[in-house]
C-alpha atoms as a PDB file:
ATOM      1  CA  SER A   1      15.003-118.530  -2.357  1.00  0.00           C
ATOM      2  CA  LEU A   2      13.684-115.910   0.089  1.00  0.00           C
ATOM      3  CA  LYS A   3      13.023-113.593  -2.843  1.00  0.00           C
ATOM      4  CA  ARG A   4      10.092-115.849  -3.781  1.00  0.00           C
ATOM      5  CA  LEU A   5       8.483-115.451  -0.351  1.00  0.00           C
ATOM      6  CA  GLU A   6       6.636-112.495   1.098  1.00  0.00           C
ATOM      7  CA  GLY A   7       7.956-111.375   4.464  1.00  0.00           C
ATOM      8  CA  VAL A   8       6.918-108.662   6.867  1.00  0.00           C
ATOM      9  CA  LYS A   9       7.979-105.277   5.536  1.00  0.00           C
ATOM     10  CA  ILE A  10       9.427-102.716   7.939  1.00  0.00           C
ATOM     11  CA  VAL A  11       9.223 -99.125   6.714  1.00  0.00           C
ATOM     12  CA  PRO A  12      11.155 -96.692   8.921  1.00  0.00           C
ATOM     13  CA  PRO A  13       9.594 -93.303   9.687  1.00  0.00           C
ATOM     14  CA  ASP A  14      12.850 -91.598   8.675  1.00  0.00           C
ATOM     15  CA  PRO A  15      13.529 -91.838   4.900  1.00  0.00           C
ATOM     16  CA  ASN A  16      17.270 -91.762   5.608  1.00  0.00           C
ATOM     17  CA  TYR A  17      16.990 -95.391   6.742  1.00  0.00           C
ATOM     18  CA  CYS A  18      16.267 -98.333   4.467  1.00  0.00           C
ATOM     19  CA  VAL A  19      13.197-100.531   4.254  1.00  0.00           C
ATOM     20  CA  ALA A  20      13.721-104.114   5.405  1.00  0.00           C
ATOM     21  CA  GLU A  21      11.877-107.382   5.068  1.00  0.00           C
ATOM     22  CA  CYS A  22      11.698-109.959   7.873  1.00  0.00           C
ATOM     23  CA  PHE A  23      11.044-113.695   7.907  1.00  0.00           C
ATOM     24  CA  ARG A  24      10.357-115.882  10.956  1.00  0.00           C
ATOM     25  CA  VAL A  25      12.986-118.596  11.374  1.00  0.00           C
ATOM     26  CA  ARG A  26      14.049-121.419  13.651  1.00  0.00           C
ATOM     27  CA  VAL A  27      17.807-121.835  14.063  1.00  0.00           C
ATOM     28  CA  ALA A  28      19.118-125.383  14.579  1.00  0.00           C
ATOM     29  CA  GLY A  29      15.601-126.443  15.535  1.00  0.00           C
ATOM     30  CA  GLU A  30      15.958-124.649  18.880  1.00  0.00           C
ATOM     31  CA  VAL A  31      16.037-120.868  18.638  1.00  0.00           C
ATOM     32  CA  GLU A  32      13.168-118.801  17.247  1.00  0.00           C
ATOM     33  CA  GLY A  33      13.992-115.490  15.618  1.00  0.00           C
ATOM     34  CA  VAL A  34      13.765-113.507  12.415  1.00  0.00           C
ATOM     35  CA  ILE A  35      15.989-112.938   9.406  1.00  0.00           C
ATOM     36  CA  VAL A  36      16.252-109.252   8.536  1.00  0.00           C
ATOM     37  CA  ILE A  37      17.001-108.359   4.916  1.00  0.00           C
ATOM     38  CA  PRO A  38      17.696-104.669   4.265  1.00  0.00           C
ATOM     39  CA  LYS A  39      16.344-103.521   0.900  1.00  0.00           C
ATOM     40  CA  VAL A  40      19.430-101.752  -0.381  1.00  0.00           C
ATOM     41  CA  ASN A  41      21.428-102.105  -3.578  1.00  0.00           C
ATOM     42  CA  HIS A  42      24.322-104.527  -3.487  1.00  0.00           C
ATOM     43  CA  TYR A  43      23.415-106.045  -0.110  1.00  0.00           C
ATOM     44  CA  TYR A  44      25.340-109.256   0.509  1.00  0.00           C
ATOM     45  CA  GLU A  45      23.424-112.306  -0.697  1.00  0.00           C
ATOM     46  CA  ASP A  46      25.659-114.703   1.248  1.00  0.00           C
ATOM     47  CA  ILE A  47      25.102-113.107   4.677  1.00  0.00           C
ATOM     48  CA  VAL A  48      22.073-113.719   6.874  1.00  0.00           C
ATOM     49  CA  GLU A  49      21.276-111.502   9.853  1.00  0.00           C
ATOM     50  CA  VAL A  50      19.298-113.301  12.540  1.00  0.00           C
ATOM     51  CA  VAL A  51      17.639-111.395  15.375  1.00  0.00           C
ATOM     52  CA  ALA A  52      16.711-113.578  18.361  1.00  0.00           C
ATOM     53  CA  PRO A  53      15.857-113.107  22.051  1.00  0.00           C
ATOM     54  CA  VAL A  54      19.037-114.988  23.047  1.00  0.00           C
ATOM     55  CA  LYS A  55      22.664-115.022  21.906  1.00  0.00           C
ATOM     56  CA  VAL A  56      22.401-117.717  19.243  1.00  0.00           C
ATOM     57  CA  LYS A  57      26.070-118.733  19.302  1.00  0.00           C
ATOM     58  CA  ASP A  58      26.056-119.080  23.092  1.00  0.00           C
ATOM     59  CA  LYS A  59      22.752-120.986  23.184  1.00  0.00           C
ATOM     60  CA  LEU A  60      23.884-123.459  20.511  1.00  0.00           C
ATOM     61  CA  GLY A  61      27.546-123.630  21.511  1.00  0.00           C
ATOM     62  CA  VAL A  62      28.762-122.703  18.016  1.00  0.00           C
ATOM     63  CA  LYS A  63      31.388-120.306  16.726  1.00  0.00           C
ATOM     64  CA  ASP A  64      31.969-118.288  13.557  1.00  0.00           C
ATOM     65  CA  GLY A  65      32.321-120.607  10.572  1.00  0.00           C
ATOM     66  CA  ASP A  66      30.252-123.474  12.044  1.00  0.00           C
ATOM     67  CA  LEU A  67      27.405-124.736   9.878  1.00  0.00           C
ATOM     68  CA  ILE A  68      23.884-124.619  11.303  1.00  0.00           C
ATOM     69  CA  THR A  69      20.409-125.084   9.899  1.00  0.00           C
ATOM     70  CA  VAL A  70      18.098-122.081   9.554  1.00  0.00           C
ATOM     71  CA  GLU A  71      14.496-122.977   8.683  1.00  0.00           C
ATOM     72  CA  VAL A  72      12.184-120.263   7.365  1.00  0.00           C
ATOM     73  CA  GLU A  73       8.666-120.591   8.780  1.00  0.00           C
ATOM     74  CA  THR A  74       6.060-120.030   6.107  1.00  0.00           C
END
């Protein structure tokens, strides 16, 4: 569903690196951050990379495999 939205595009100065698109998110209603989606062929559609100012798992007390809510801010 993110493909329908327009995020912030990051274009690296070095063409050896890929372009990425970012979307502001709130994780579990508590942690603000961004989802980073690299614009490369065959990038995993079932993996979400969240960048936040805190360690999300520590802040929320969750571990790999736990389900959490990630809301995209539009």
